[in-house]
Amino acid sequence: MTLTTYPTRLASWISRALAALAATALIAGAVTASPAFAQTSYQGVHVTPANTFFLQLDVYGASTANGAGVIDWWTNGGANQSWNFISYGGSNTWEIQNRNSGECLATDGVPGDQVYQDPCDLQSNQLWNANVATNGTFFNIQSKSSGLYLDVNSNSSWPG
C-alpha cells in the first residue's frame, strides 16, 4: 500500500459491526437521549481498497518486525490483516494498530512510498484522519502528518 491523493474505503464490515453494536446496545437498554456517542476504537477492522473487494491491508508475511512493509493481499483471515482503529485526541484522528504485531501503521510521508509498521509511539507519522461515512461503510484514510491518502500504488487490482 502506498500514499497518494486518492481516498480508499473499508470493507462493509464496519457497517455490520456498527449495526451489531447498535443492536446490542438496544437490547441491553444502554441507549438514552444523550449527546452523540463518540466511538473510541474499532477492533478487528479489515481494510479493503476501493478498487477491489478481495484484497485487504496486510503486513507482509505476517511479520512482527519493526519497519515491515504493509501491502494489499488476498483475504486470508490472518491477524496480520486485522487492524484496530484507536481514537487519539478526537476529531477523527486514529492510530491504526495491527492485531498480529501490535505495531502501528506508519508513513514516511513521501507520495508513492510504501507504508510500514512501527512500534506505536503516537508520532505524527502514525496518526491518521479517518472519517466514518454516515452509513458506516467506509473511511477516507489520510496521513495526519503529510495529508496524503492511503491508496494502492497505480490503482493495481493485483496483490502485493
N, C-alpha and C. Protein backbone atom coordinates (compact mmCIF):
# COMPACT_ATOMS: atom_id res chain seq x y z
N MET A 1 0.86 -1.16 0.00
CA MET A 1 0.00 0.00 0.00
C MET A 1 0.90 1.22 0.00
N THR A 2 0.44 2.24 -0.66
CA THR A 2 1.21 3.47 -0.74
C THR A 2 0.32 4.65 -0.40
N LEU A 3 0.92 5.81 -0.36
CA LEU A 3 0.17 7.03 -0.11
C LEU A 3 0.03 7.81 -1.40
N THR A 4 -1.18 8.25 -1.69
CA THR A 4 -1.44 9.12 -2.83
C THR A 4 -2.50 10.11 -2.41
N THR A 5 -3.00 10.86 -3.37
CA THR A 5 -4.03 11.84 -3.05
C THR A 5 -5.43 11.30 -3.28
N TYR A 6 -5.58 9.99 -3.46
CA TYR A 6 -6.89 9.40 -3.70
C TYR A 6 -7.38 8.68 -2.46
N PRO A 7 -8.68 8.82 -2.08
CA PRO A 7 -9.19 8.15 -0.89
C PRO A 7 -9.44 6.67 -1.12
N THR A 8 -9.47 5.89 -0.02
CA THR A 8 -9.81 4.46 -0.08
C THR A 8 -11.02 4.19 0.79
N ARG A 9 -11.53 2.93 0.76
CA ARG A 9 -12.70 2.54 1.55
C ARG A 9 -12.40 1.32 2.37
N LEU A 10 -13.12 1.17 3.45
CA LEU A 10 -13.08 -0.06 4.24
C LEU A 10 -14.15 -1.00 3.72
N ALA A 11 -13.99 -2.26 4.05
CA ALA A 11 -14.99 -3.26 3.69
C ALA A 11 -16.31 -2.96 4.39
N SER A 12 -17.37 -3.55 3.91
CA SER A 12 -18.67 -3.32 4.53
C SER A 12 -18.73 -3.88 5.95
N TRP A 13 -17.64 -4.46 6.39
CA TRP A 13 -17.57 -4.99 7.74
C TRP A 13 -17.91 -3.93 8.78
N ILE A 14 -17.46 -2.72 8.57
CA ILE A 14 -17.71 -1.64 9.54
C ILE A 14 -19.21 -1.47 9.75
N SER A 15 -19.98 -1.43 8.66
CA SER A 15 -21.41 -1.21 8.82
C SER A 15 -22.06 -2.38 9.56
N ARG A 16 -21.62 -3.61 9.29
CA ARG A 16 -22.17 -4.76 10.01
C ARG A 16 -21.79 -4.69 11.49
N ALA A 17 -20.55 -4.32 11.77
CA ALA A 17 -20.10 -4.24 13.16
C ALA A 17 -20.86 -3.15 13.91
N LEU A 18 -21.04 -2.00 13.27
CA LEU A 18 -21.77 -0.92 13.92
C LEU A 18 -23.22 -1.31 14.16
N ALA A 19 -23.82 -2.02 13.19
CA ALA A 19 -25.20 -2.46 13.35
C ALA A 19 -25.30 -3.45 14.51
N ALA A 20 -24.33 -4.34 14.63
CA ALA A 20 -24.33 -5.31 15.73
C ALA A 20 -24.17 -4.60 17.07
N LEU A 21 -23.29 -3.60 17.11
CA LEU A 21 -23.11 -2.85 18.36
C LEU A 21 -24.39 -2.10 18.72
N ALA A 22 -25.03 -1.50 17.74
CA ALA A 22 -26.26 -0.77 18.00
C ALA A 22 -27.35 -1.70 18.50
N ALA A 23 -27.46 -2.88 17.88
CA ALA A 23 -28.47 -3.85 18.31
C ALA A 23 -28.20 -4.32 19.73
N THR A 24 -26.93 -4.57 20.06
CA THR A 24 -26.57 -4.98 21.41
C THR A 24 -26.92 -3.89 22.42
N ALA A 25 -26.64 -2.64 22.08
CA ALA A 25 -26.93 -1.53 22.99
C ALA A 25 -28.44 -1.41 23.21
N LEU A 26 -29.23 -1.60 22.16
CA LEU A 26 -30.68 -1.51 22.30
C LEU A 26 -31.20 -2.63 23.19
N ILE A 27 -30.70 -3.84 22.98
CA ILE A 27 -31.15 -4.97 23.77
C ILE A 27 -30.77 -4.76 25.24
N ALA A 28 -29.58 -4.22 25.49
CA ALA A 28 -29.12 -4.01 26.86
C ALA A 28 -29.74 -2.79 27.51
N GLY A 29 -30.48 -2.00 26.76
CA GLY A 29 -31.11 -0.81 27.28
C GLY A 29 -30.14 0.33 27.51
N ALA A 30 -29.01 0.30 26.80
CA ALA A 30 -27.96 1.30 27.03
C ALA A 30 -28.18 2.58 26.24
N VAL A 31 -29.12 2.62 25.34
CA VAL A 31 -29.35 3.80 24.53
C VAL A 31 -30.22 4.78 25.31
N THR A 32 -29.75 6.00 25.46
CA THR A 32 -30.51 7.03 26.15
C THR A 32 -30.53 8.28 25.29
N ALA A 33 -31.32 9.24 25.68
CA ALA A 33 -31.40 10.50 24.95
C ALA A 33 -30.29 11.42 25.42
N SER A 34 -29.07 11.08 25.06
CA SER A 34 -27.91 11.87 25.46
C SER A 34 -27.19 12.38 24.22
N PRO A 35 -26.13 13.20 24.40
CA PRO A 35 -25.38 13.68 23.24
C PRO A 35 -24.84 12.53 22.41
N ALA A 36 -24.44 12.82 21.18
CA ALA A 36 -23.94 11.80 20.27
C ALA A 36 -22.80 11.01 20.88
N PHE A 37 -22.81 9.71 20.65
CA PHE A 37 -21.79 8.82 21.16
C PHE A 37 -20.55 8.92 20.28
N ALA A 38 -19.38 9.10 20.89
CA ALA A 38 -18.13 9.17 20.14
C ALA A 38 -17.41 7.83 20.26
N GLN A 39 -17.26 7.14 19.15
CA GLN A 39 -16.57 5.86 19.12
C GLN A 39 -15.10 6.08 19.46
N THR A 40 -14.56 5.33 20.41
CA THR A 40 -13.17 5.50 20.79
C THR A 40 -12.25 4.48 20.13
N SER A 41 -12.81 3.39 19.62
CA SER A 41 -11.98 2.44 18.88
C SER A 41 -12.86 1.50 18.07
N TYR A 42 -12.27 0.95 17.04
CA TYR A 42 -12.88 -0.11 16.23
C TYR A 42 -11.89 -1.25 16.26
N GLN A 43 -12.30 -2.42 16.69
CA GLN A 43 -11.41 -3.56 16.83
C GLN A 43 -11.60 -4.54 15.67
N GLY A 44 -10.50 -5.08 15.16
CA GLY A 44 -10.56 -6.12 14.14
C GLY A 44 -11.07 -5.65 12.79
N VAL A 45 -10.72 -4.44 12.40
CA VAL A 45 -11.17 -3.89 11.12
C VAL A 45 -10.34 -4.49 9.99
N HIS A 46 -11.02 -4.85 8.91
CA HIS A 46 -10.34 -5.32 7.70
C HIS A 46 -10.46 -4.21 6.66
N VAL A 47 -9.33 -3.66 6.27
CA VAL A 47 -9.31 -2.53 5.33
C VAL A 47 -9.21 -3.07 3.92
N THR A 48 -10.19 -2.74 3.08
CA THR A 48 -10.24 -3.18 1.70
C THR A 48 -10.10 -1.98 0.77
N PRO A 49 -9.15 -2.01 -0.17
CA PRO A 49 -9.01 -0.89 -1.11
C PRO A 49 -10.29 -0.70 -1.93
N ALA A 50 -10.51 0.52 -2.36
CA ALA A 50 -11.71 0.85 -3.12
C ALA A 50 -11.75 0.16 -4.48
N ASN A 51 -10.59 -0.20 -5.04
CA ASN A 51 -10.57 -0.75 -6.38
C ASN A 51 -10.72 -2.27 -6.43
N THR A 52 -10.87 -2.92 -5.29
CA THR A 52 -11.02 -4.37 -5.26
C THR A 52 -11.74 -4.80 -3.99
N PHE A 53 -12.45 -5.92 -4.05
CA PHE A 53 -13.15 -6.42 -2.89
C PHE A 53 -12.50 -7.68 -2.32
N PHE A 54 -11.43 -8.17 -2.92
CA PHE A 54 -10.85 -9.43 -2.50
C PHE A 54 -9.44 -9.28 -1.93
N LEU A 55 -8.96 -8.04 -1.79
CA LEU A 55 -7.67 -7.78 -1.18
C LEU A 55 -7.86 -6.99 0.10
N GLN A 56 -6.93 -7.14 1.03
CA GLN A 56 -7.00 -6.41 2.30
C GLN A 56 -5.63 -5.87 2.67
N LEU A 57 -5.64 -4.81 3.47
CA LEU A 57 -4.41 -4.25 4.03
C LEU A 57 -3.76 -5.34 4.87
N ASP A 58 -2.46 -5.61 4.63
CA ASP A 58 -1.80 -6.80 5.14
C ASP A 58 -0.35 -6.46 5.49
N VAL A 59 0.12 -6.89 6.65
CA VAL A 59 1.55 -6.77 6.96
C VAL A 59 2.22 -7.94 6.25
N TYR A 60 3.16 -7.62 5.37
CA TYR A 60 3.81 -8.61 4.52
C TYR A 60 4.37 -9.78 5.33
N GLY A 61 3.98 -10.99 4.94
CA GLY A 61 4.49 -12.20 5.56
C GLY A 61 4.11 -12.36 7.02
N ALA A 62 3.09 -11.65 7.47
CA ALA A 62 2.67 -11.67 8.88
C ALA A 62 3.82 -11.30 9.81
N SER A 63 4.71 -10.47 9.32
CA SER A 63 5.89 -10.06 10.09
C SER A 63 5.50 -9.29 11.34
N THR A 64 6.28 -9.46 12.38
CA THR A 64 6.13 -8.67 13.60
C THR A 64 7.32 -7.72 13.77
N ALA A 65 8.18 -7.65 12.75
CA ALA A 65 9.39 -6.82 12.82
C ALA A 65 9.09 -5.34 12.61
N ASN A 66 9.84 -4.51 13.31
CA ASN A 66 9.75 -3.06 13.08
C ASN A 66 10.10 -2.77 11.63
N GLY A 67 9.33 -1.90 11.00
CA GLY A 67 9.61 -1.48 9.64
C GLY A 67 9.09 -2.41 8.56
N ALA A 68 8.41 -3.50 8.93
CA ALA A 68 7.88 -4.43 7.93
C ALA A 68 6.89 -3.72 7.02
N GLY A 69 6.95 -4.01 5.73
CA GLY A 69 6.08 -3.37 4.76
C GLY A 69 4.63 -3.79 4.89
N VAL A 70 3.75 -2.86 4.55
CA VAL A 70 2.31 -3.12 4.53
C VAL A 70 1.87 -3.08 3.08
N ILE A 71 1.17 -4.13 2.67
CA ILE A 71 0.76 -4.30 1.28
C ILE A 71 -0.75 -4.59 1.25
N ASP A 72 -1.27 -4.78 0.05
CA ASP A 72 -2.61 -5.35 -0.08
C ASP A 72 -2.41 -6.80 -0.54
N TRP A 73 -3.21 -7.72 0.04
CA TRP A 73 -3.02 -9.14 -0.25
C TRP A 73 -4.36 -9.85 -0.21
N TRP A 74 -4.40 -11.05 -0.82
CA TRP A 74 -5.63 -11.84 -0.82
C TRP A 74 -6.16 -11.97 0.60
N THR A 75 -7.46 -11.88 0.74
CA THR A 75 -8.10 -12.06 2.04
C THR A 75 -7.81 -13.47 2.54
N ASN A 76 -7.24 -13.59 3.74
CA ASN A 76 -6.89 -14.91 4.26
C ASN A 76 -7.30 -15.13 5.71
N GLY A 77 -7.91 -14.13 6.34
CA GLY A 77 -8.37 -14.28 7.71
C GLY A 77 -7.27 -14.17 8.76
N GLY A 78 -6.04 -13.87 8.34
CA GLY A 78 -4.93 -13.76 9.28
C GLY A 78 -5.01 -12.50 10.13
N ALA A 79 -4.43 -12.58 11.33
CA ALA A 79 -4.40 -11.42 12.23
C ALA A 79 -3.57 -10.29 11.64
N ASN A 80 -2.67 -10.62 10.69
CA ASN A 80 -1.88 -9.57 10.04
C ASN A 80 -2.72 -8.73 9.08
N GLN A 81 -3.98 -9.11 8.86
CA GLN A 81 -4.92 -8.33 8.05
C GLN A 81 -6.00 -7.68 8.91
N SER A 82 -5.82 -7.73 10.20
CA SER A 82 -6.80 -7.20 11.13
C SER A 82 -6.20 -6.01 11.86
N TRP A 83 -6.97 -4.91 11.93
CA TRP A 83 -6.45 -3.64 12.44
C TRP A 83 -7.39 -3.07 13.49
N ASN A 84 -6.81 -2.42 14.49
CA ASN A 84 -7.57 -1.68 15.49
C ASN A 84 -7.43 -0.19 15.19
N PHE A 85 -8.54 0.50 15.09
CA PHE A 85 -8.53 1.96 14.95
C PHE A 85 -8.76 2.52 16.34
N ILE A 86 -7.73 3.15 16.90
CA ILE A 86 -7.78 3.67 18.26
C ILE A 86 -7.82 5.18 18.20
N SER A 87 -8.89 5.76 18.74
CA SER A 87 -9.07 7.21 18.70
C SER A 87 -7.97 7.91 19.46
N TYR A 88 -7.49 9.00 18.88
CA TYR A 88 -6.46 9.80 19.54
C TYR A 88 -6.86 11.27 19.47
N GLY A 89 -7.19 11.83 20.58
CA GLY A 89 -7.47 13.27 20.65
C GLY A 89 -8.74 13.71 19.96
N GLY A 90 -9.64 12.79 19.62
CA GLY A 90 -10.89 13.16 18.96
C GLY A 90 -10.67 13.63 17.53
N SER A 91 -11.64 14.33 16.99
CA SER A 91 -11.57 14.90 15.64
C SER A 91 -11.21 13.87 14.57
N ASN A 92 -11.73 12.64 14.72
CA ASN A 92 -11.50 11.59 13.73
C ASN A 92 -10.02 11.31 13.48
N THR A 93 -9.20 11.43 14.51
CA THR A 93 -7.78 11.10 14.41
C THR A 93 -7.58 9.73 15.05
N TRP A 94 -6.86 8.86 14.34
CA TRP A 94 -6.73 7.46 14.76
C TRP A 94 -5.29 7.00 14.69
N GLU A 95 -4.96 6.10 15.58
CA GLU A 95 -3.76 5.29 15.48
C GLU A 95 -4.27 3.96 14.93
N ILE A 96 -3.63 3.40 13.92
CA ILE A 96 -4.09 2.17 13.29
C ILE A 96 -3.09 1.06 13.63
N GLN A 97 -3.51 0.16 14.50
CA GLN A 97 -2.63 -0.86 15.08
C GLN A 97 -2.94 -2.23 14.49
N ASN A 98 -1.89 -2.93 14.05
CA ASN A 98 -2.06 -4.29 13.54
C ASN A 98 -2.27 -5.25 14.69
N ARG A 99 -3.25 -6.12 14.57
CA ARG A 99 -3.59 -7.03 15.68
C ARG A 99 -2.57 -8.17 15.82
N ASN A 100 -1.86 -8.49 14.77
CA ASN A 100 -0.86 -9.55 14.84
C ASN A 100 0.42 -9.08 15.53
N SER A 101 0.92 -7.93 15.13
CA SER A 101 2.21 -7.45 15.63
C SER A 101 2.08 -6.48 16.79
N GLY A 102 0.92 -5.83 16.92
CA GLY A 102 0.76 -4.79 17.92
C GLY A 102 1.41 -3.48 17.53
N GLU A 103 1.96 -3.42 16.30
CA GLU A 103 2.62 -2.21 15.83
C GLU A 103 1.64 -1.37 15.02
N CYS A 104 2.01 -0.11 14.80
CA CYS A 104 1.10 0.83 14.15
C CYS A 104 1.50 1.13 12.71
N LEU A 105 0.49 1.41 11.91
CA LEU A 105 0.69 1.81 10.52
C LEU A 105 1.40 3.15 10.50
N ALA A 106 2.48 3.24 9.71
CA ALA A 106 3.29 4.45 9.66
C ALA A 106 3.63 4.79 8.22
N THR A 107 4.02 6.04 7.99
CA THR A 107 4.41 6.52 6.68
C THR A 107 5.63 7.42 6.78
N ASP A 108 6.39 7.47 5.69
CA ASP A 108 7.49 8.44 5.64
C ASP A 108 7.01 9.75 5.01
N GLY A 109 5.74 9.77 4.55
CA GLY A 109 5.15 10.99 4.01
C GLY A 109 5.53 11.31 2.58
N VAL A 110 6.20 10.39 1.89
CA VAL A 110 6.60 10.62 0.51
C VAL A 110 5.59 9.93 -0.41
N PRO A 111 4.95 10.70 -1.33
CA PRO A 111 3.98 10.08 -2.24
C PRO A 111 4.60 8.91 -3.01
N GLY A 112 3.88 7.79 -3.03
CA GLY A 112 4.34 6.61 -3.75
C GLY A 112 5.17 5.65 -2.93
N ASP A 113 5.67 6.08 -1.76
CA ASP A 113 6.45 5.18 -0.92
C ASP A 113 5.52 4.23 -0.16
N GLN A 114 6.04 3.05 0.13
CA GLN A 114 5.27 2.04 0.84
C GLN A 114 5.07 2.44 2.30
N VAL A 115 3.88 2.17 2.83
CA VAL A 115 3.65 2.34 4.26
C VAL A 115 4.20 1.10 4.97
N TYR A 116 4.38 1.22 6.27
CA TYR A 116 5.03 0.16 7.03
C TYR A 116 4.50 0.17 8.46
N GLN A 117 4.91 -0.82 9.25
CA GLN A 117 4.53 -0.84 10.65
C GLN A 117 5.73 -0.47 11.51
N ASP A 118 5.45 0.18 12.61
CA ASP A 118 6.48 0.59 13.56
C ASP A 118 5.87 0.56 14.95
N PRO A 119 6.70 0.46 16.00
CA PRO A 119 6.15 0.47 17.36
C PRO A 119 5.28 1.71 17.58
N CYS A 120 4.13 1.52 18.17
CA CYS A 120 3.20 2.62 18.40
C CYS A 120 3.80 3.60 19.40
N ASP A 121 3.97 4.86 18.98
CA ASP A 121 4.53 5.87 19.87
C ASP A 121 3.87 7.23 19.68
N LEU A 122 2.71 7.23 18.99
CA LEU A 122 1.92 8.44 18.80
C LEU A 122 2.68 9.56 18.07
N GLN A 123 3.68 9.19 17.27
CA GLN A 123 4.35 10.17 16.43
C GLN A 123 3.40 10.57 15.31
N SER A 124 3.57 11.75 14.76
CA SER A 124 2.63 12.25 13.75
C SER A 124 2.57 11.35 12.51
N ASN A 125 3.66 10.63 12.20
CA ASN A 125 3.65 9.74 11.03
C ASN A 125 2.83 8.48 11.26
N GLN A 126 2.31 8.30 12.49
CA GLN A 126 1.46 7.16 12.83
C GLN A 126 0.03 7.57 13.12
N LEU A 127 -0.30 8.82 12.90
CA LEU A 127 -1.66 9.30 13.15
C LEU A 127 -2.36 9.51 11.82
N TRP A 128 -3.62 9.10 11.77
CA TRP A 128 -4.39 9.12 10.53
C TRP A 128 -5.74 9.77 10.77
N ASN A 129 -6.19 10.54 9.81
CA ASN A 129 -7.56 11.06 9.83
C ASN A 129 -8.40 10.05 9.08
N ALA A 130 -9.50 9.64 9.67
CA ALA A 130 -10.38 8.68 9.03
C ALA A 130 -11.82 9.03 9.40
N ASN A 131 -12.61 9.41 8.43
CA ASN A 131 -13.99 9.82 8.67
C ASN A 131 -14.93 8.68 8.35
N VAL A 132 -15.78 8.35 9.32
CA VAL A 132 -16.79 7.32 9.11
C VAL A 132 -17.92 7.94 8.30
N ALA A 133 -18.31 7.29 7.21
CA ALA A 133 -19.44 7.76 6.41
C ALA A 133 -20.71 7.64 7.23
N THR A 134 -21.74 8.38 6.86
CA THR A 134 -22.99 8.34 7.62
C THR A 134 -23.58 6.95 7.70
N ASN A 135 -23.33 6.10 6.69
CA ASN A 135 -23.84 4.74 6.74
C ASN A 135 -22.81 3.78 7.36
N GLY A 136 -21.67 4.30 7.81
CA GLY A 136 -20.67 3.48 8.47
C GLY A 136 -19.91 2.54 7.56
N THR A 137 -19.94 2.77 6.27
CA THR A 137 -19.37 1.82 5.33
C THR A 137 -17.90 2.05 5.02
N PHE A 138 -17.41 3.26 5.05
CA PHE A 138 -16.01 3.46 4.65
C PHE A 138 -15.35 4.61 5.40
N PHE A 139 -14.04 4.59 5.31
CA PHE A 139 -13.19 5.65 5.83
C PHE A 139 -12.40 6.23 4.65
N ASN A 140 -12.06 7.47 4.73
CA ASN A 140 -11.00 8.03 3.89
C ASN A 140 -9.81 8.10 4.83
N ILE A 141 -8.78 7.33 4.55
CA ILE A 141 -7.66 7.23 5.47
C ILE A 141 -6.55 8.16 4.98
N GLN A 142 -6.30 9.20 5.75
CA GLN A 142 -5.37 10.26 5.36
C GLN A 142 -4.31 10.44 6.44
N SER A 143 -3.07 10.51 6.02
CA SER A 143 -1.97 10.74 6.95
C SER A 143 -2.12 12.13 7.57
N LYS A 144 -2.10 12.18 8.89
CA LYS A 144 -2.21 13.45 9.58
C LYS A 144 -0.96 14.30 9.34
N SER A 145 0.20 13.66 9.20
CA SER A 145 1.45 14.41 9.04
C SER A 145 1.66 14.93 7.62
N SER A 146 1.29 14.16 6.60
CA SER A 146 1.57 14.57 5.22
C SER A 146 0.34 15.04 4.45
N GLY A 147 -0.86 14.64 4.90
CA GLY A 147 -2.08 14.98 4.18
C GLY A 147 -2.36 14.05 3.00
N LEU A 148 -1.49 13.08 2.76
CA LEU A 148 -1.70 12.13 1.67
C LEU A 148 -2.63 11.02 2.11
N TYR A 149 -3.35 10.43 1.13
CA TYR A 149 -4.29 9.35 1.42
C TYR A 149 -3.64 7.99 1.21
N LEU A 150 -4.07 7.02 2.03
CA LEU A 150 -3.65 5.64 1.86
C LEU A 150 -4.31 5.11 0.60
N ASP A 151 -3.52 4.52 -0.28
CA ASP A 151 -4.04 4.09 -1.57
C ASP A 151 -3.20 2.95 -2.12
N VAL A 152 -3.72 2.28 -3.13
CA VAL A 152 -3.00 1.21 -3.82
C VAL A 152 -2.16 1.84 -4.93
N ASN A 153 -0.88 1.49 -4.96
CA ASN A 153 0.03 2.02 -5.97
C ASN A 153 -0.48 1.73 -7.39
N SER A 154 -0.57 2.76 -8.19
CA SER A 154 -1.02 2.68 -9.58
C SER A 154 -2.42 2.10 -9.73
N ASN A 155 -3.22 2.11 -8.65
CA ASN A 155 -4.59 1.60 -8.66
C ASN A 155 -4.64 0.14 -9.11
N SER A 156 -3.58 -0.61 -8.83
CA SER A 156 -3.49 -2.01 -9.23
C SER A 156 -4.51 -2.86 -8.47
N SER A 157 -5.12 -3.81 -9.18
CA SER A 157 -6.04 -4.73 -8.52
C SER A 157 -5.35 -6.05 -8.19
N TRP A 158 -4.03 -6.09 -8.31
CA TRP A 158 -3.24 -7.29 -8.01
C TRP A 158 -2.63 -7.19 -6.63
N PRO A 159 -2.47 -8.32 -5.94
CA PRO A 159 -1.89 -8.28 -4.59
C PRO A 159 -0.43 -7.88 -4.60
N GLY A 160 0.02 -7.35 -3.47
CA GLY A 160 1.42 -7.02 -3.31
C GLY A 160 1.72 -5.58 -3.52
